[in-house]
Full PDB file with SEQRES, HELIX, SHEET, SSBOND, CRYST1, ORIGX, SCALE, CONECT and MASTER records, all heavy atoms in Angstrom:
SEQRES   1 A   30  LEU GLY GLY GLU VAL SER TRP PHE PRO THR GLU SER GLY          
SEQRES   2 A   30  ASN GLY LYS THR ILE ARG ILE GLN MET ARG PRO CYS VAL          
SEQRES   3 A   30  VAL ARG PRO THR                                              
SHEET    1 AA1 2 GLU A   4  PRO A   9  0                                        
SHEET    2 AA1 2 LYS A  16  GLN A  21 -1                                        
CRYST1    1.000    1.000    1.000  90.00  90.00  90.00 P 1           1          
ORIGX1      1.000000  0.000000  0.000000        0.00000                         
ORIGX2      0.000000  1.000000  0.000000        0.00000                         
ORIGX3      0.000000  0.000000  1.000000        0.00000                         
SCALE1      1.000000  0.000000  0.000000        0.00000                         
SCALE2      0.000000  1.000000  0.000000        0.00000                         
SCALE3      0.000000  0.000000  1.000000        0.00000                         
ATOM      1  N   LEU A   1     -23.283 -33.570  13.560  1.00  0.00           N  
ATOM      2  CA  LEU A   1     -22.416 -33.018  14.604  1.00  0.00           C  
ATOM      3  C   LEU A   1     -23.204 -32.372  15.749  1.00  0.00           C  
ATOM      4  O   LEU A   1     -22.628 -31.772  16.642  1.00  0.00           O  
ATOM      5  CB  LEU A   1     -21.442 -32.002  13.999  1.00  0.00           C  
ATOM      6  CG  LEU A   1     -20.376 -32.595  13.089  1.00  0.00           C  
ATOM      7  CD1 LEU A   1     -19.633 -31.496  12.329  1.00  0.00           C  
ATOM      8  CD2 LEU A   1     -19.403 -33.448  13.890  1.00  0.00           C  
ATOM      9  N   GLY A   2     -24.521 -32.482  15.721  1.00  0.00           N  
ATOM     10  CA  GLY A   2     -25.344 -31.978  16.818  1.00  0.00           C  
ATOM     11  C   GLY A   2     -26.035 -30.665  16.574  1.00  0.00           C  
ATOM     12  O   GLY A   2     -26.657 -30.115  17.477  1.00  0.00           O  
ATOM     13  N   GLY A   3     -25.952 -30.142  15.375  1.00  0.00           N  
ATOM     14  CA  GLY A   3     -26.602 -28.875  15.069  1.00  0.00           C  
ATOM     15  C   GLY A   3     -28.056 -29.058  14.659  1.00  0.00           C  
ATOM     16  O   GLY A   3     -28.381 -29.958  13.905  1.00  0.00           O  
ATOM     17  N   GLU A   4     -28.915 -28.209  15.200  1.00  0.00           N  
ATOM     18  CA  GLU A   4     -30.315 -28.172  14.781  1.00  0.00           C  
ATOM     19  C   GLU A   4     -30.436 -27.034  13.776  1.00  0.00           C  
ATOM     20  O   GLU A   4     -30.127 -25.893  14.100  1.00  0.00           O  
ATOM     21  CB  GLU A   4     -31.219 -27.936  15.981  1.00  0.00           C  
ATOM     22  CG  GLU A   4     -31.190 -29.073  16.989  1.00  0.00           C  
ATOM     23  CD  GLU A   4     -32.044 -28.787  18.209  1.00  0.00           C  
ATOM     24  OE1 GLU A   4     -33.025 -28.020  18.103  1.00  0.00           O  
ATOM     25  OE2 GLU A   4     -31.702 -29.329  19.271  1.00  0.00           O  
ATOM     26  N   VAL A   5     -30.894 -27.358  12.587  1.00  0.00           N  
ATOM     27  CA  VAL A   5     -30.891 -26.403  11.472  1.00  0.00           C  
ATOM     28  C   VAL A   5     -32.277 -25.819  11.245  1.00  0.00           C  
ATOM     29  O   VAL A   5     -33.267 -26.548  11.206  1.00  0.00           O  
ATOM     30  CB  VAL A   5     -30.411 -27.087  10.176  1.00  0.00           C  
ATOM     31  CG1 VAL A   5     -30.364 -26.095   9.021  1.00  0.00           C  
ATOM     32  CG2 VAL A   5     -29.056 -27.756  10.376  1.00  0.00           C  
ATOM     33  N   SER A   6     -32.327 -24.513  11.094  1.00  0.00           N  
ATOM     34  CA  SER A   6     -33.541 -23.824  10.674  1.00  0.00           C  
ATOM     35  C   SER A   6     -33.125 -22.677   9.751  1.00  0.00           C  
ATOM     36  O   SER A   6     -31.939 -22.416   9.585  1.00  0.00           O  
ATOM     37  CB  SER A   6     -34.335 -23.309  11.882  1.00  0.00           C  
ATOM     38  OG  SER A   6     -33.570 -22.392  12.632  1.00  0.00           O  
ATOM     39  N   TRP A   7     -34.088 -22.027   9.169  1.00  0.00           N  
ATOM     40  CA  TRP A   7     -33.775 -20.884   8.311  1.00  0.00           C  
ATOM     41  C   TRP A   7     -34.948 -19.908   8.342  1.00  0.00           C  
ATOM     42  O   TRP A   7     -36.068 -20.264   8.696  1.00  0.00           O  
ATOM     43  CB  TRP A   7     -33.491 -21.328   6.874  1.00  0.00           C  
ATOM     44  CG  TRP A   7     -34.734 -21.682   6.128  1.00  0.00           C  
ATOM     45  CD1 TRP A   7     -35.380 -22.880   6.142  1.00  0.00           C  
ATOM     46  CD2 TRP A   7     -35.506 -20.813   5.298  1.00  0.00           C  
ATOM     47  NE1 TRP A   7     -36.503 -22.817   5.375  1.00  0.00           N  
ATOM     48  CE2 TRP A   7     -36.613 -21.557   4.846  1.00  0.00           C  
ATOM     49  CE3 TRP A   7     -35.372 -19.484   4.915  1.00  0.00           C  
ATOM     50  CZ2 TRP A   7     -37.563 -21.012   4.004  1.00  0.00           C  
ATOM     51  CZ3 TRP A   7     -36.331 -18.941   4.085  1.00  0.00           C  
ATOM     52  CH2 TRP A   7     -37.408 -19.704   3.630  1.00  0.00           C  
ATOM     53  N   PHE A   8     -34.661 -18.679   7.982  1.00  0.00           N  
ATOM     54  CA  PHE A   8     -35.704 -17.667   7.850  1.00  0.00           C  
ATOM     55  C   PHE A   8     -35.236 -16.608   6.859  1.00  0.00           C  
ATOM     56  O   PHE A   8     -34.036 -16.392   6.692  1.00  0.00           O  
ATOM     57  CB  PHE A   8     -36.074 -17.043   9.212  1.00  0.00           C  
ATOM     58  CG  PHE A   8     -34.907 -16.556  10.023  1.00  0.00           C  
ATOM     59  CD1 PHE A   8     -34.438 -15.257   9.903  1.00  0.00           C  
ATOM     60  CD2 PHE A   8     -34.267 -17.414  10.919  1.00  0.00           C  
ATOM     61  CE1 PHE A   8     -33.357 -14.808  10.656  1.00  0.00           C  
ATOM     62  CE2 PHE A   8     -33.195 -16.972  11.681  1.00  0.00           C  
ATOM     63  CZ  PHE A   8     -32.737 -15.666  11.550  1.00  0.00           C  
ATOM     64  N   PRO A   9     -36.191 -15.953   6.185  1.00  0.00           N  
ATOM     65  CA  PRO A   9     -35.813 -14.905   5.231  1.00  0.00           C  
ATOM     66  C   PRO A   9     -35.321 -13.660   5.975  1.00  0.00           C  
ATOM     67  O   PRO A   9     -35.719 -13.404   7.109  1.00  0.00           O  
ATOM     68  CB  PRO A   9     -37.114 -14.613   4.477  1.00  0.00           C  
ATOM     69  CG  PRO A   9     -38.204 -15.098   5.367  1.00  0.00           C  
ATOM     70  CD  PRO A   9     -37.637 -16.181   6.220  1.00  0.00           C  
ATOM     71  N   THR A  10     -34.456 -12.904   5.318  1.00  0.00           N  
ATOM     72  CA  THR A  10     -34.005 -11.646   5.898  1.00  0.00           C  
ATOM     73  C   THR A  10     -35.168 -10.652   5.883  1.00  0.00           C  
ATOM     74  O   THR A  10     -36.160 -10.849   5.169  1.00  0.00           O  
ATOM     75  CB  THR A  10     -32.816 -11.056   5.103  1.00  0.00           C  
ATOM     76  OG1 THR A  10     -33.226 -10.871   3.745  1.00  0.00           O  
ATOM     77  CG2 THR A  10     -31.595 -11.960   5.168  1.00  0.00           C  
ATOM     78  N   GLU A  11     -35.051  -9.594   6.674  1.00  0.00           N  
ATOM     79  CA  GLU A  11     -36.124  -8.591   6.745  1.00  0.00           C  
ATOM     80  C   GLU A  11     -36.443  -8.000   5.377  1.00  0.00           C  
ATOM     81  O   GLU A  11     -37.594  -7.720   5.071  1.00  0.00           O  
ATOM     82  CB  GLU A  11     -35.742  -7.487   7.728  1.00  0.00           C  
ATOM     83  CG  GLU A  11     -35.801  -7.935   9.167  1.00  0.00           C  
ATOM     84  CD  GLU A  11     -35.488  -6.791  10.127  1.00  0.00           C  
ATOM     85  OE1 GLU A  11     -35.658  -5.615   9.759  1.00  0.00           O  
ATOM     86  OE2 GLU A  11     -35.081  -7.106  11.256  1.00  0.00           O  
ATOM     87  N   SER A  12     -35.417  -7.814   4.557  1.00  0.00           N  
ATOM     88  CA  SER A  12     -35.635  -7.234   3.229  1.00  0.00           C  
ATOM     89  C   SER A  12     -36.292  -8.228   2.269  1.00  0.00           C  
ATOM     90  O   SER A  12     -36.836  -7.821   1.248  1.00  0.00           O  
ATOM     91  CB  SER A  12     -34.301  -6.784   2.637  1.00  0.00           C  
ATOM     92  OG  SER A  12     -33.493  -7.927   2.357  1.00  0.00           O  
ATOM     93  N   GLY A  13     -36.228  -9.519   2.606  1.00  0.00           N  
ATOM     94  CA  GLY A  13     -36.769 -10.533   1.720  1.00  0.00           C  
ATOM     95  C   GLY A  13     -35.834 -10.903   0.581  1.00  0.00           C  
ATOM     96  O   GLY A  13     -36.155 -11.734  -0.256  1.00  0.00           O  
ATOM     97  N   ASN A  14     -34.673 -10.272   0.550  1.00  0.00           N  
ATOM     98  CA  ASN A  14     -33.709 -10.510  -0.529  1.00  0.00           C  
ATOM     99  C   ASN A  14     -32.625 -11.507  -0.152  1.00  0.00           C  
ATOM    100  O   ASN A  14     -31.630 -11.617  -0.854  1.00  0.00           O  
ATOM    101  CB  ASN A  14     -33.052  -9.196  -0.952  1.00  0.00           C  
ATOM    102  CG  ASN A  14     -34.058  -8.247  -1.552  1.00  0.00           C  
ATOM    103  OD1 ASN A  14     -35.006  -8.675  -2.199  1.00  0.00           O  
ATOM    104  ND2 ASN A  14     -33.881  -6.965  -1.324  1.00  0.00           N  
ATOM    105  N   GLY A  15     -32.790 -12.207   0.936  1.00  0.00           N  
ATOM    106  CA  GLY A  15     -31.779 -13.168   1.366  1.00  0.00           C  
ATOM    107  C   GLY A  15     -32.355 -14.088   2.417  1.00  0.00           C  
ATOM    108  O   GLY A  15     -33.566 -14.089   2.672  1.00  0.00           O  
ATOM    109  N   LYS A  16     -31.489 -14.877   3.019  1.00  0.00           N  
ATOM    110  CA  LYS A  16     -31.933 -15.806   4.058  1.00  0.00           C  
ATOM    111  C   LYS A  16     -30.840 -15.952   5.108  1.00  0.00           C  
ATOM    112  O   LYS A  16     -29.674 -15.664   4.863  1.00  0.00           O  
ATOM    113  CB  LYS A  16     -32.282 -17.168   3.470  1.00  0.00           C  
ATOM    114  CG  LYS A  16     -31.066 -17.928   2.968  1.00  0.00           C  
ATOM    115  CD  LYS A  16     -31.455 -19.249   2.376  1.00  0.00           C  
ATOM    116  CE  LYS A  16     -30.314 -19.893   1.622  1.00  0.00           C  
ATOM    117  NZ  LYS A  16     -29.705 -19.121   0.560  1.00  0.00           N  
ATOM    118  N   THR A  17     -31.260 -16.431   6.272  1.00  0.00           N  
ATOM    119  CA  THR A  17     -30.326 -16.770   7.334  1.00  0.00           C  
ATOM    120  C   THR A  17     -30.513 -18.245   7.662  1.00  0.00           C  
ATOM    121  O   THR A  17     -31.632 -18.694   7.893  1.00  0.00           O  
ATOM    122  CB  THR A  17     -30.588 -15.924   8.597  1.00  0.00           C  
ATOM    123  OG1 THR A  17     -30.348 -14.548   8.273  1.00  0.00           O  
ATOM    124  CG2 THR A  17     -29.676 -16.340   9.737  1.00  0.00           C  
ATOM    125  N   ILE A  18     -29.417 -18.974   7.633  1.00  0.00           N  
ATOM    126  CA  ILE A  18     -29.405 -20.349   8.102  1.00  0.00           C  
ATOM    127  C   ILE A  18     -28.989 -20.264   9.563  1.00  0.00           C  
ATOM    128  O   ILE A  18     -27.958 -19.678   9.878  1.00  0.00           O  
ATOM    129  CB  ILE A  18     -28.390 -21.214   7.316  1.00  0.00           C  
ATOM    130  CG1 ILE A  18     -28.700 -21.219   5.822  1.00  0.00           C  
ATOM    131  CG2 ILE A  18     -28.338 -22.630   7.896  1.00  0.00           C  
ATOM    132  CD1 ILE A  18     -29.963 -21.921   5.436  1.00  0.00           C  
ATOM    133  N   ARG A  19     -29.799 -20.822  10.452  1.00  0.00           N  
ATOM    134  CA  ARG A  19     -29.500 -20.791  11.893  1.00  0.00           C  
ATOM    135  C   ARG A  19     -29.217 -22.215  12.368  1.00  0.00           C  
ATOM    136  O   ARG A  19     -30.004 -23.128  12.129  1.00  0.00           O  
ATOM    137  CB  ARG A  19     -30.647 -20.206  12.689  1.00  0.00           C  
ATOM    138  CG  ARG A  19     -30.416 -20.334  14.199  1.00  0.00           C  
ATOM    139  CD  ARG A  19     -31.396 -19.539  14.997  1.00  0.00           C  
ATOM    140  NE  ARG A  19     -30.951 -18.149  14.938  1.00  0.00           N  
ATOM    141  CZ  ARG A  19     -31.658 -17.130  15.392  1.00  0.00           C  
ATOM    142  NH1 ARG A  19     -32.849 -17.319  15.917  1.00  0.00           N  
ATOM    143  NH2 ARG A  19     -31.186 -15.897  15.304  1.00  0.00           N  
ATOM    144  N   ILE A  20     -28.101 -22.357  13.032  1.00  0.00           N  
ATOM    145  CA  ILE A  20     -27.728 -23.631  13.636  1.00  0.00           C  
ATOM    146  C   ILE A  20     -27.726 -23.424  15.145  1.00  0.00           C  
ATOM    147  O   ILE A  20     -27.087 -22.497  15.647  1.00  0.00           O  
ATOM    148  CB  ILE A  20     -26.315 -24.085  13.207  1.00  0.00           C  
ATOM    149  CG1 ILE A  20     -26.109 -23.972  11.691  1.00  0.00           C  
ATOM    150  CG2 ILE A  20     -26.015 -25.473  13.746  1.00  0.00           C  
ATOM    151  CD1 ILE A  20     -26.981 -24.825  10.854  1.00  0.00           C  
ATOM    152  N   GLN A  21     -28.436 -24.278  15.837  1.00  0.00           N  
ATOM    153  CA  GLN A  21     -28.476 -24.230  17.300  1.00  0.00           C  
ATOM    154  C   GLN A  21     -27.716 -25.447  17.819  1.00  0.00           C  
ATOM    155  O   GLN A  21     -27.973 -26.568  17.406  1.00  0.00           O  
ATOM    156  CB  GLN A  21     -29.917 -24.266  17.786  1.00  0.00           C  
ATOM    157  CG  GLN A  21     -30.060 -24.234  19.282  1.00  0.00           C  
ATOM    158  CD  GLN A  21     -31.525 -24.278  19.708  1.00  0.00           C  
ATOM    159  OE1 GLN A  21     -32.434 -24.308  18.882  1.00  0.00           O  
ATOM    160  NE2 GLN A  21     -31.741 -24.298  20.996  1.00  0.00           N  
ATOM    161  N   MET A  22     -26.758 -25.189  18.720  1.00  0.00           N  
ATOM    162  CA  MET A  22     -25.988 -26.275  19.320  1.00  0.00           C  
ATOM    163  C   MET A  22     -26.077 -26.167  20.831  1.00  0.00           C  
ATOM    164  O   MET A  22     -25.948 -25.083  21.389  1.00  0.00           O  
ATOM    165  CB  MET A  22     -24.535 -26.235  18.851  1.00  0.00           C  
ATOM    166  CG  MET A  22     -24.418 -26.452  17.348  1.00  0.00           C  
ATOM    167  SD  MET A  22     -22.726 -26.638  16.770  1.00  0.00           S  
ATOM    168  CE  MET A  22     -22.400 -28.326  17.280  1.00  0.00           C  
ATOM    169  N   ARG A  23     -26.311 -27.282  21.459  1.00  0.00           N  
ATOM    170  CA  ARG A  23     -26.458 -27.331  22.914  1.00  0.00           C  
ATOM    171  C   ARG A  23     -25.096 -27.502  23.577  1.00  0.00           C  
ATOM    172  O   ARG A  23     -24.197 -28.106  23.002  1.00  0.00           O  
ATOM    173  CB  ARG A  23     -27.375 -28.470  23.306  1.00  0.00           C  
ATOM    174  CG  ARG A  23     -28.734 -28.355  22.631  1.00  0.00           C  
ATOM    175  CD  ARG A  23     -29.821 -29.049  23.378  1.00  0.00           C  
ATOM    176  NE  ARG A  23     -31.101 -29.110  22.689  1.00  0.00           N  
ATOM    177  CZ  ARG A  23     -31.838 -28.111  22.296  1.00  0.00           C  
ATOM    178  NH1 ARG A  23     -31.426 -26.899  22.451  1.00  0.00           N  
ATOM    179  NH2 ARG A  23     -33.001 -28.278  21.708  1.00  0.00           N  
ATOM    180  N   PRO A  24     -24.974 -27.009  24.816  1.00  0.00           N  
ATOM    181  CA  PRO A  24     -23.703 -27.195  25.534  1.00  0.00           C  
ATOM    182  C   PRO A  24     -23.538 -28.660  25.934  1.00  0.00           C  
ATOM    183  O   PRO A  24     -24.502 -29.428  25.935  1.00  0.00           O  
ATOM    184  CB  PRO A  24     -23.858 -26.302  26.766  1.00  0.00           C  
ATOM    185  CG  PRO A  24     -25.326 -26.198  26.973  1.00  0.00           C  
ATOM    186  CD  PRO A  24     -25.945 -26.269  25.604  1.00  0.00           C  
ATOM    187  N   CYS A  25     -22.321 -29.020  26.271  1.00  0.00           N  
ATOM    188  CA  CYS A  25     -22.028 -30.391  26.699  1.00  0.00           C  
ATOM    189  C   CYS A  25     -22.581 -30.624  28.094  1.00  0.00           C  
ATOM    190  O   CYS A  25     -22.637 -29.709  28.916  1.00  0.00           O  
ATOM    191  CB  CYS A  25     -20.522 -30.635  26.743  1.00  0.00           C  
ATOM    192  SG  CYS A  25     -19.737 -30.524  25.138  1.00  0.00           S  
ATOM    193  N   VAL A  26     -22.973 -31.857  28.331  1.00  0.00           N  
ATOM    194  CA  VAL A  26     -23.388 -32.241  29.672  1.00  0.00           C  
ATOM    195  C   VAL A  26     -22.118 -32.550  30.453  1.00  0.00           C  
ATOM    196  O   VAL A  26     -21.298 -33.363  30.032  1.00  0.00           O  
ATOM    197  CB  VAL A  26     -24.300 -33.496  29.623  1.00  0.00           C  
ATOM    198  CG1 VAL A  26     -24.635 -33.960  31.016  1.00  0.00           C  
ATOM    199  CG2 VAL A  26     -25.549 -33.197  28.821  1.00  0.00           C  
ATOM    200  N   VAL A  27     -21.950 -31.860  31.558  1.00  0.00           N  
ATOM    201  CA  VAL A  27     -20.768 -32.080  32.377  1.00  0.00           C  
ATOM    202  C   VAL A  27     -21.069 -33.215  33.341  1.00  0.00           C  
ATOM    203  O   VAL A  27     -21.979 -33.121  34.157  1.00  0.00           O  
ATOM    204  CB  VAL A  27     -20.371 -30.796  33.148  1.00  0.00           C  
ATOM    205  CG1 VAL A  27     -19.162 -31.053  34.014  1.00  0.00           C  
ATOM    206  CG2 VAL A  27     -20.133 -29.661  32.174  1.00  0.00           C  
ATOM    207  N   ARG A  28     -20.319 -34.280  33.183  1.00  0.00           N  
ATOM    208  CA  ARG A  28     -20.509 -35.431  34.058  1.00  0.00           C  
ATOM    209  C   ARG A  28     -19.428 -35.417  35.130  1.00  0.00           C  
ATOM    210  O   ARG A  28     -18.264 -35.152  34.827  1.00  0.00           O  
ATOM    211  CB  ARG A  28     -20.432 -36.714  33.251  1.00  0.00           C  
ATOM    212  CG  ARG A  28     -21.564 -36.817  32.263  1.00  0.00           C  
ATOM    213  CD  ARG A  28     -21.600 -38.189  31.608  1.00  0.00           C  
ATOM    214  NE  ARG A  28     -22.790 -38.318  30.825  1.00  0.00           N  
ATOM    215  CZ  ARG A  28     -22.842 -38.118  29.515  1.00  0.00           C  
ATOM    216  NH1 ARG A  28     -21.777 -37.794  28.860  1.00  0.00           N  
ATOM    217  NH2 ARG A  28     -23.982 -38.250  28.877  1.00  0.00           N  
ATOM    218  N   PRO A  29     -19.809 -35.723  36.362  1.00  0.00           N  
ATOM    219  CA  PRO A  29     -18.791 -35.746  37.404  1.00  0.00           C  
ATOM    220  C   PRO A  29     -17.779 -36.841  37.124  1.00  0.00           C  
ATOM    221  O   PRO A  29     -18.108 -37.913  36.639  1.00  0.00           O  
ATOM    222  CB  PRO A  29     -19.587 -36.032  38.680  1.00  0.00           C  
ATOM    223  CG  PRO A  29     -20.910 -36.529  38.235  1.00  0.00           C  
ATOM    224  CD  PRO A  29     -21.129 -36.072  36.823  1.00  0.00           C  
ATOM    225  N   THR A  30     -16.542 -36.530  37.405  1.00  0.00           N  
ATOM    226  CA  THR A  30     -15.468 -37.506  37.222  1.00  0.00           C  
ATOM    227  C   THR A  30     -15.463 -38.443  38.420  1.00  0.00           C  
ATOM    228  O   THR A  30     -15.396 -37.990  39.571  1.00  0.00           O  
ATOM    229  CB  THR A  30     -14.108 -36.785  37.123  1.00  0.00           C  
ATOM    230  OG1 THR A  30     -14.202 -35.796  36.088  1.00  0.00           O  
ATOM    231  CG2 THR A  30     -13.001 -37.756  36.816  1.00  0.00           C  
TER     232      THR A  30                                                      
MASTER        0    0    0    0    2    0    0    6  231    1    0    3          
END                                                                             
């Protein structure tokens, strides 16, 4: 669906964060 997936541990080291980056749509002239 267009998501770029990465992850990193939480500061405490007791968990993780899954990060999804999604880009905006390209607006094409009508």
